Amino acid sequence: MAAGYAPQYEESPLGTPRLSAVKSSIDRLLRAHEPYPALVFNVHETVVAMNDAARRLMAGASPELLTPPINLMRLALHPQGLSQYVVNKAEMRAQMLARLHRQMVNSGSEKLMKLYDEVANYPHVPGPEGNGGGGEEVLSCLIVHKHNTELRLFSTVTTFGAATDITVAELSLEMFHPADARTADALKAAAVQDMSAQMPAPIGV
């Protein structure tokens, strides 16, 4: 900096006033996607925001894995994390590790290398890597046993275009969508139940 070689882009914490418009957009997208899960994570797979549906999906994981900063790879692949509820474990594990490996290679990040070594060595149960859908799916699904049923979810990942701040450029928004009507109904019912549980009890006369 003193020599005149200032970085091309700034890097600001997400909570700073400079990024208030970005944070507002993220919050709005997360709320709008309810009752379906959505979360935002950075280049190190650290979750920076999530909606209530995502919290419900992650419920039951080890408290240690849900203590901020939450790492998405650890949460997904650890035996005491979301993995314990996943039906197609082998497929999910292969996809997550492949994604992390690509990020590790492309960035050359030592932090991601250590994370990859850690999560790749978690105990796991080998199994078929197909999606269990009989070849009918057009998208690979995450199959999770939650809310007393089997949820089938596919996801989309969104990034910010033409970002001029490193923090924003490294953010990704992953939104999970129901792959069938049963999943949609179960997620809607879970949201209603959660809302009812949070409502204060009526005051007796």
C-alpha atoms as a PDB file:
ATOM      1  CA  MET A   1       0.000   0.000   0.000  1.00  0.00           C
ATOM      2  CA  ALA A   2       2.770   2.459   0.957  1.00  0.00           C
ATOM      3  CA  ALA A   3       4.562   1.759  -2.330  1.00  0.00           C
ATOM      4  CA  GLY A   4       1.452   2.623  -4.304  1.00  0.00           C
ATOM      5  CA  TYR A   5       0.333  -0.919  -5.057  1.00  0.00           C
ATOM      6  CA  ALA A   6      -3.176  -0.704  -3.641  1.00  0.00           C
ATOM      7  CA  PRO A   7      -5.409  -3.753  -4.182  1.00  0.00           C
ATOM      8  CA  GLN A   8      -7.771  -3.515  -7.136  1.00  0.00           C
ATOM      9  CA  TYR A   9     -10.755  -4.401  -4.953  1.00  0.00           C
ATOM     10  CA  GLU A  10     -11.569  -3.680  -1.332  1.00  0.00           C
ATOM     11  CA  GLU A  11     -12.533  -6.311   1.240  1.00  0.00           C
ATOM     12  CA  SER A  12     -15.183  -5.251   3.741  1.00  0.00           C
ATOM     13  CA  PRO A  13     -16.967  -7.195   6.506  1.00  0.00           C
ATOM     14  CA  LEU A  14     -20.542  -8.005   5.491  1.00  0.00           C
ATOM     15  CA  GLY A  15     -21.943  -6.021   8.416  1.00  0.00           C
ATOM     16  CA  THR A  16     -20.321  -2.721   7.432  1.00  0.00           C
ATOM     17  CA  PRO A  17     -22.494   0.181   6.159  1.00  0.00           C
ATOM     18  CA  ARG A  18     -20.688  -0.053   2.804  1.00  0.00           C
ATOM     19  CA  LEU A  19     -22.281  -3.457   2.185  1.00  0.00           C
ATOM     20  CA  SER A  20     -25.699  -2.661   3.664  1.00  0.00           C
ATOM     21  CA  ALA A  21     -27.430  -2.961   0.274  1.00  0.00           C
ATOM     22  CA  VAL A  22     -25.839  -6.374  -0.273  1.00  0.00           C
ATOM     23  CA  LYS A  23     -26.834  -7.612   3.176  1.00  0.00           C
ATOM     24  CA  SER A  24     -30.389  -6.354   2.672  1.00  0.00           C
ATOM     25  CA  SER A  25     -30.595  -8.222  -0.631  1.00  0.00           C
ATOM     26  CA  ILE A  26     -29.321 -11.415   0.989  1.00  0.00           C
ATOM     27  CA  ASP A  27     -31.832 -11.137   3.844  1.00  0.00           C
ATOM     28  CA  ARG A  28     -34.654 -10.494   1.384  1.00  0.00           C
ATOM     29  CA  LEU A  29     -33.743 -13.524  -0.756  1.00  0.00           C
ATOM     30  CA  LEU A  30     -33.472 -15.792   2.273  1.00  0.00           C
ATOM     31  CA  ARG A  31     -36.878 -14.710   3.580  1.00  0.00           C
ATOM     32  CA  ALA A  32     -38.498 -14.967   0.162  1.00  0.00           C
ATOM     33  CA  HIS A  33     -37.357 -18.577  -0.233  1.00  0.00           C
ATOM     34  CA  GLU A  34     -39.183 -19.732   2.912  1.00  0.00           C
ATOM     35  CA  PRO A  35     -40.415 -22.355   3.645  1.00  0.00           C
ATOM     36  CA  TYR A  36     -37.583 -23.900   1.626  1.00  0.00           C
ATOM     37  CA  PRO A  37     -33.979 -23.961   2.916  1.00  0.00           C
ATOM     38  CA  ALA A  38     -31.443 -21.371   1.746  1.00  0.00           C
ATOM     39  CA  LEU A  39     -28.053 -20.291   3.031  1.00  0.00           C
ATOM     40  CA  VAL A  40     -25.119 -18.068   2.124  1.00  0.00           C
ATOM     41  CA  PHE A  41     -21.515 -19.202   2.417  1.00  0.00           C
ATOM     42  CA  ASN A  42     -18.109 -17.780   1.510  1.00  0.00           C
ATOM     43  CA  VAL A  43     -15.106 -19.179  -0.347  1.00  0.00           C
ATOM     44  CA  HIS A  44     -13.972 -21.034   2.785  1.00  0.00           C
ATOM     45  CA  GLU A  45     -17.388 -22.758   3.058  1.00  0.00           C
ATOM     46  CA  THR A  46     -18.225 -20.715   6.146  1.00  0.00           C
ATOM     47  CA  VAL A  47     -21.959 -20.066   6.485  1.00  0.00           C
ATOM     48  CA  VAL A  48     -22.607 -16.333   6.879  1.00  0.00           C
ATOM     49  CA  ALA A  49     -26.426 -16.377   6.783  1.00  0.00           C
ATOM     50  CA  MET A  50     -29.319 -18.814   6.555  1.00  0.00           C
ATOM     51  CA  ASN A  51     -33.094 -18.800   6.736  1.00  0.00           C
ATOM     52  CA  ASP A  52     -35.320 -20.554   9.267  1.00  0.00           C
ATOM     53  CA  ALA A  53     -35.993 -23.481   6.916  1.00  0.00           C
ATOM     54  CA  ALA A  54     -32.259 -24.182   6.720  1.00  0.00           C
ATOM     55  CA  ARG A  55     -32.042 -24.102  10.515  1.00  0.00           C
ATOM     56  CA  ARG A  56     -34.877 -26.630  10.719  1.00  0.00           C
ATOM     57  CA  LEU A  57     -33.094 -28.865   8.211  1.00  0.00           C
ATOM     58  CA  MET A  58     -29.876 -28.741  10.245  1.00  0.00           C
ATOM     59  CA  ALA A  59     -31.590 -29.381  13.570  1.00  0.00           C
ATOM     60  CA  GLY A  60     -30.292 -32.510  15.264  1.00  0.00           C
ATOM     61  CA  ALA A  61     -26.687 -32.017  14.204  1.00  0.00           C
ATOM     62  CA  SER A  62     -24.051 -31.857  16.926  1.00  0.00           C
ATOM     63  CA  PRO A  63     -24.166 -28.481  18.736  1.00  0.00           C
ATOM     64  CA  GLU A  64     -20.442 -28.165  18.104  1.00  0.00           C
ATOM     65  CA  LEU A  65     -21.044 -28.194  14.345  1.00  0.00           C
ATOM     66  CA  LEU A  66     -23.806 -25.593  14.690  1.00  0.00           C
ATOM     67  CA  THR A  67     -21.712 -23.174  16.756  1.00  0.00           C
ATOM     68  CA  PRO A  68     -20.591 -20.174  14.665  1.00  0.00           C
ATOM     69  CA  PRO A  69     -18.583 -20.002  12.568  1.00  0.00           C
ATOM     70  CA  ILE A  70     -20.456 -22.886  10.925  1.00  0.00           C
ATOM     71  CA  ASN A  71     -18.509 -24.658   8.197  1.00  0.00           C
ATOM     72  CA  LEU A  72     -20.797 -26.131   5.550  1.00  0.00           C
ATOM     73  CA  MET A  73     -18.459 -28.999   4.643  1.00  0.00           C
ATOM     74  CA  ARG A  74     -18.009 -30.086   8.244  1.00  0.00           C
ATOM     75  CA  LEU A  75     -21.743 -29.787   8.896  1.00  0.00           C
ATOM     76  CA  ALA A  76     -22.635 -31.818   5.809  1.00  0.00           C
ATOM     77  CA  LEU A  77     -20.012 -34.581   6.023  1.00  0.00           C
ATOM     78  CA  HIS A  78     -19.348 -35.120   9.732  1.00  0.00           C
ATOM     79  CA  PRO A  79     -21.009 -38.321  11.041  1.00  0.00           C
ATOM     80  CA  GLN A  80     -22.767 -36.229  13.709  1.00  0.00           C
ATOM     81  CA  GLY A  81     -23.832 -33.576  11.221  1.00  0.00           C
ATOM     82  CA  LEU A  82     -26.412 -33.550   8.452  1.00  0.00           C
ATOM     83  CA  SER A  83     -24.872 -36.759   7.113  1.00  0.00           C
ATOM     84  CA  GLN A  84     -26.713 -38.821   9.735  1.00  0.00           C
ATOM     85  CA  TYR A  85     -30.032 -37.904   8.081  1.00  0.00           C
ATOM     86  CA  VAL A  86     -28.924 -38.242   4.444  1.00  0.00           C
ATOM     87  CA  VAL A  87     -30.221 -41.294   2.576  1.00  0.00           C
ATOM     88  CA  ASN A  88     -27.917 -41.076  -0.447  1.00  0.00           C
ATOM     89  CA  LYS A  89     -24.772 -40.543   1.653  1.00  0.00           C
ATOM     90  CA  ALA A  90     -22.228 -41.762  -0.905  1.00  0.00           C
ATOM     91  CA  GLU A  91     -23.550 -39.515  -3.655  1.00  0.00           C
ATOM     92  CA  MET A  92     -23.742 -36.460  -1.406  1.00  0.00           C
ATOM     93  CA  ARG A  93     -20.233 -37.081  -0.069  1.00  0.00           C
ATOM     94  CA  ALA A  94     -18.766 -37.468  -3.560  1.00  0.00           C
ATOM     95  CA  GLN A  95     -20.402 -34.247  -4.768  1.00  0.00           C
ATOM     96  CA  MET A  96     -19.335 -32.189  -1.753  1.00  0.00           C
ATOM     97  CA  LEU A  97     -15.741 -33.425  -1.867  1.00  0.00           C
ATOM     98  CA  ALA A  98     -15.554 -32.793  -5.630  1.00  0.00           C
ATOM     99  CA  ARG A  99     -16.764 -29.226  -5.127  1.00  0.00           C
ATOM    100  CA  LEU A 100     -14.297 -28.602  -2.322  1.00  0.00           C
ATOM    101  CA  HIS A 101     -11.464 -30.120  -4.362  1.00  0.00           C
ATOM    102  CA  ARG A 102     -12.199 -27.801  -7.300  1.00  0.00           C
ATOM    103  CA  GLN A 103     -12.182 -24.775  -5.004  1.00  0.00           C
ATOM    104  CA  MET A 104      -8.961 -25.946  -3.370  1.00  0.00           C
ATOM    105  CA  VAL A 105      -7.184 -26.424  -6.693  1.00  0.00           C
ATOM    106  CA  ASN A 106      -8.454 -23.208  -8.273  1.00  0.00           C
ATOM    107  CA  SER A 107      -7.625 -21.019  -5.275  1.00  0.00           C
ATOM    108  CA  GLY A 108      -4.499 -22.726  -4.014  1.00  0.00           C
ATOM    109  CA  SER A 109      -5.784 -21.915  -0.526  1.00  0.00           C
ATOM    110  CA  GLU A 110      -3.895 -23.691   2.242  1.00  0.00           C
ATOM    111  CA  LYS A 111      -6.969 -23.313   4.457  1.00  0.00           C
ATOM    112  CA  LEU A 112      -9.096 -25.228   1.950  1.00  0.00           C
ATOM    113  CA  MET A 113      -6.405 -27.891   1.597  1.00  0.00           C
ATOM    114  CA  LYS A 114      -6.501 -28.506   5.344  1.00  0.00           C
ATOM    115  CA  LEU A 115     -10.299 -28.535   5.308  1.00  0.00           C
ATOM    116  CA  TYR A 116     -10.323 -31.067   2.448  1.00  0.00           C
ATOM    117  CA  ASP A 117      -7.899 -33.361   4.267  1.00  0.00           C
ATOM    118  CA  GLU A 118     -10.061 -33.155   7.382  1.00  0.00           C
ATOM    119  CA  VAL A 119     -13.483 -33.845   5.886  1.00  0.00           C
ATOM    120  CA  ALA A 120     -12.228 -36.428   3.363  1.00  0.00           C
ATOM    121  CA  ASN A 121     -11.042 -38.527   6.299  1.00  0.00           C
ATOM    122  CA  TYR A 122     -14.296 -38.453   8.231  1.00  0.00           C
ATOM    123  CA  PRO A 123     -15.670 -41.970   8.848  1.00  0.00           C
ATOM    124  CA  HIS A 124     -18.308 -42.835   6.269  1.00  0.00           C
ATOM    125  CA  VAL A 125     -20.354 -45.789   5.104  1.00  0.00           C
ATOM    126  CA  PRO A 126     -19.514 -46.783   1.512  1.00  0.00           C
ATOM    127  CA  GLY A 127     -22.518 -47.273  -0.702  1.00  0.00           C
ATOM    128  CA  PRO A 128     -23.975 -46.744  -4.178  1.00  0.00           C
ATOM    129  CA  GLU A 129     -23.483 -43.261  -5.608  1.00  0.00           C
ATOM    130  CA  GLY A 130     -26.670 -43.121  -7.641  1.00  0.00           C
ATOM    131  CA  ASN A 131     -29.534 -40.833  -6.700  1.00  0.00           C
ATOM    132  CA  GLY A 132     -31.907 -43.679  -5.974  1.00  0.00           C
ATOM    133  CA  GLY A 133     -34.564 -42.310  -8.288  1.00  0.00           C
ATOM    134  CA  GLY A 134     -34.701 -45.071 -10.853  1.00  0.00           C
ATOM    135  CA  GLY A 135     -33.193 -42.843 -13.533  1.00  0.00           C
ATOM    136  CA  GLU A 136     -36.198 -40.506 -13.698  1.00  0.00           C
ATOM    137  CA  GLU A 137     -34.614 -37.388 -12.159  1.00  0.00           C
ATOM    138  CA  VAL A 138     -33.251 -34.655 -14.409  1.00  0.00           C
ATOM    139  CA  LEU A 139     -31.256 -33.235 -11.472  1.00  0.00           C
ATOM    140  CA  SER A 140     -29.260 -34.940  -8.770  1.00  0.00           C
ATOM    141  CA  CYS A 141     -31.170 -34.756  -5.490  1.00  0.00           C
ATOM    142  CA  LEU A 142     -30.177 -34.572  -1.859  1.00  0.00           C
ATOM    143  CA  ILE A 143     -32.375 -37.123  -0.102  1.00  0.00           C
ATOM    144  CA  VAL A 144     -32.815 -36.439   3.605  1.00  0.00           C
ATOM    145  CA  HIS A 145     -34.998 -38.124   6.200  1.00  0.00           C
ATOM    146  CA  LYS A 146     -36.378 -35.157   8.154  1.00  0.00           C
ATOM    147  CA  HIS A 147     -39.783 -33.917   9.346  1.00  0.00           C
ATOM    148  CA  ASN A 148     -41.007 -37.534   9.586  1.00  0.00           C
ATOM    149  CA  THR A 149     -40.628 -38.168   5.887  1.00  0.00           C
ATOM    150  CA  GLU A 150     -38.104 -38.438   3.074  1.00  0.00           C
ATOM    151  CA  LEU A 151     -37.284 -35.048   1.568  1.00  0.00           C
ATOM    152  CA  ARG A 152     -35.929 -34.823  -1.970  1.00  0.00           C
ATOM    153  CA  LEU A 153     -34.164 -31.533  -2.683  1.00  0.00           C
ATOM    154  CA  PHE A 154     -32.158 -30.043  -5.530  1.00  0.00           C
ATOM    155  CA  SER A 155     -30.263 -26.790  -5.305  1.00  0.00           C
ATOM    156  CA  THR A 156     -29.317 -23.695  -7.261  1.00  0.00           C
ATOM    157  CA  VAL A 157     -26.269 -21.555  -6.500  1.00  0.00           C
ATOM    158  CA  THR A 158     -26.253 -17.799  -7.105  1.00  0.00           C
ATOM    159  CA  THR A 159     -23.322 -15.382  -6.996  1.00  0.00           C
ATOM    160  CA  PHE A 160     -23.099 -11.600  -7.260  1.00  0.00           C
ATOM    161  CA  GLY A 161     -22.193 -10.289 -10.700  1.00  0.00           C
ATOM    162  CA  ALA A 162     -19.453  -7.704 -11.273  1.00  0.00           C
ATOM    163  CA  ALA A 163     -18.617  -7.444  -7.570  1.00  0.00           C
ATOM    164  CA  THR A 164     -15.989  -4.826  -6.712  1.00  0.00           C
ATOM    165  CA  ASP A 165     -15.517  -6.017  -3.137  1.00  0.00           C
ATOM    166  CA  ILE A 166     -13.719  -9.282  -2.343  1.00  0.00           C
ATOM    167  CA  THR A 167     -16.192 -10.215   0.385  1.00  0.00           C
ATOM    168  CA  VAL A 168     -19.123  -9.943  -2.015  1.00  0.00           C
ATOM    169  CA  ALA A 169     -17.288 -11.695  -4.847  1.00  0.00           C
ATOM    170  CA  GLU A 170     -16.654 -14.701  -2.595  1.00  0.00           C
ATOM    171  CA  LEU A 171     -20.265 -15.130  -1.457  1.00  0.00           C
ATOM    172  CA  SER A 172     -22.568 -17.823  -2.819  1.00  0.00           C
ATOM    173  CA  LEU A 173     -26.276 -18.221  -2.156  1.00  0.00           C
ATOM    174  CA  GLU A 174     -27.482 -21.835  -2.237  1.00  0.00           C
ATOM    175  CA  MET A 175     -31.232 -22.336  -2.409  1.00  0.00           C
ATOM    176  CA  PHE A 176     -32.788 -25.779  -1.993  1.00  0.00           C
ATOM    177  CA  HIS A 177     -35.970 -26.593  -3.907  1.00  0.00           C
ATOM    178  CA  PRO A 178     -38.466 -29.437  -3.410  1.00  0.00           C
ATOM    179  CA  ALA A 179     -38.165 -32.105  -6.082  1.00  0.00           C
ATOM    180  CA  ASP A 180     -41.667 -33.425  -5.476  1.00  0.00           C
ATOM    181  CA  ALA A 181     -44.991 -32.437  -3.941  1.00  0.00           C
ATOM    182  CA  ARG A 182     -44.453 -34.516  -0.797  1.00  0.00           C
ATOM    183  CA  THR A 183     -41.264 -32.605   0.002  1.00  0.00           C
ATOM    184  CA  ALA A 184     -42.952 -29.264  -0.619  1.00  0.00           C
ATOM    185  CA  ASP A 185     -45.875 -30.185   1.645  1.00  0.00           C
ATOM    186  CA  ALA A 186     -43.565 -31.440   4.430  1.00  0.00           C
ATOM    187  CA  LEU A 187     -41.490 -28.256   4.408  1.00  0.00           C
ATOM    188  CA  LYS A 188     -44.598 -26.077   4.475  1.00  0.00           C
ATOM    189  CA  ALA A 189     -46.033 -28.083   7.363  1.00  0.00           C
ATOM    190  CA  ALA A 190     -42.749 -27.824   9.306  1.00  0.00           C
ATOM    191  CA  ALA A 191     -42.789 -24.042   8.875  1.00  0.00           C
ATOM    192  CA  VAL A 192     -46.373 -23.789  10.149  1.00  0.00           C
ATOM    193  CA  GLN A 193     -45.568 -26.012  13.121  1.00  0.00           C
ATOM    194  CA  ASP A 194     -42.473 -23.972  13.939  1.00  0.00           C
ATOM    195  CA  MET A 195     -44.464 -20.724  13.742  1.00  0.00           C
ATOM    196  CA  SER A 196     -47.170 -22.127  16.015  1.00  0.00           C
ATOM    197  CA  ALA A 197     -44.547 -23.220  18.557  1.00  0.00           C
ATOM    198  CA  GLN A 198     -43.114 -19.704  18.659  1.00  0.00           C
ATOM    199  CA  MET A 199     -46.462 -17.979  19.204  1.00  0.00           C
ATOM    200  CA  PRO A 200     -47.126 -16.919  22.811  1.00  0.00           C
ATOM    201  CA  ALA A 201     -49.801 -18.854  24.652  1.00  0.00           C
ATOM    202  CA  PRO A 202     -53.175 -17.062  24.880  1.00  0.00           C
ATOM    203  CA  ILE A 203     -53.818 -15.241  28.139  1.00  0.00           C
ATOM    204  CA  GLY A 204     -56.666 -16.729  30.098  1.00  0.00           C
ATOM    205  CA  VAL A 205     -59.598 -14.586  31.096  1.00  0.00           C
END
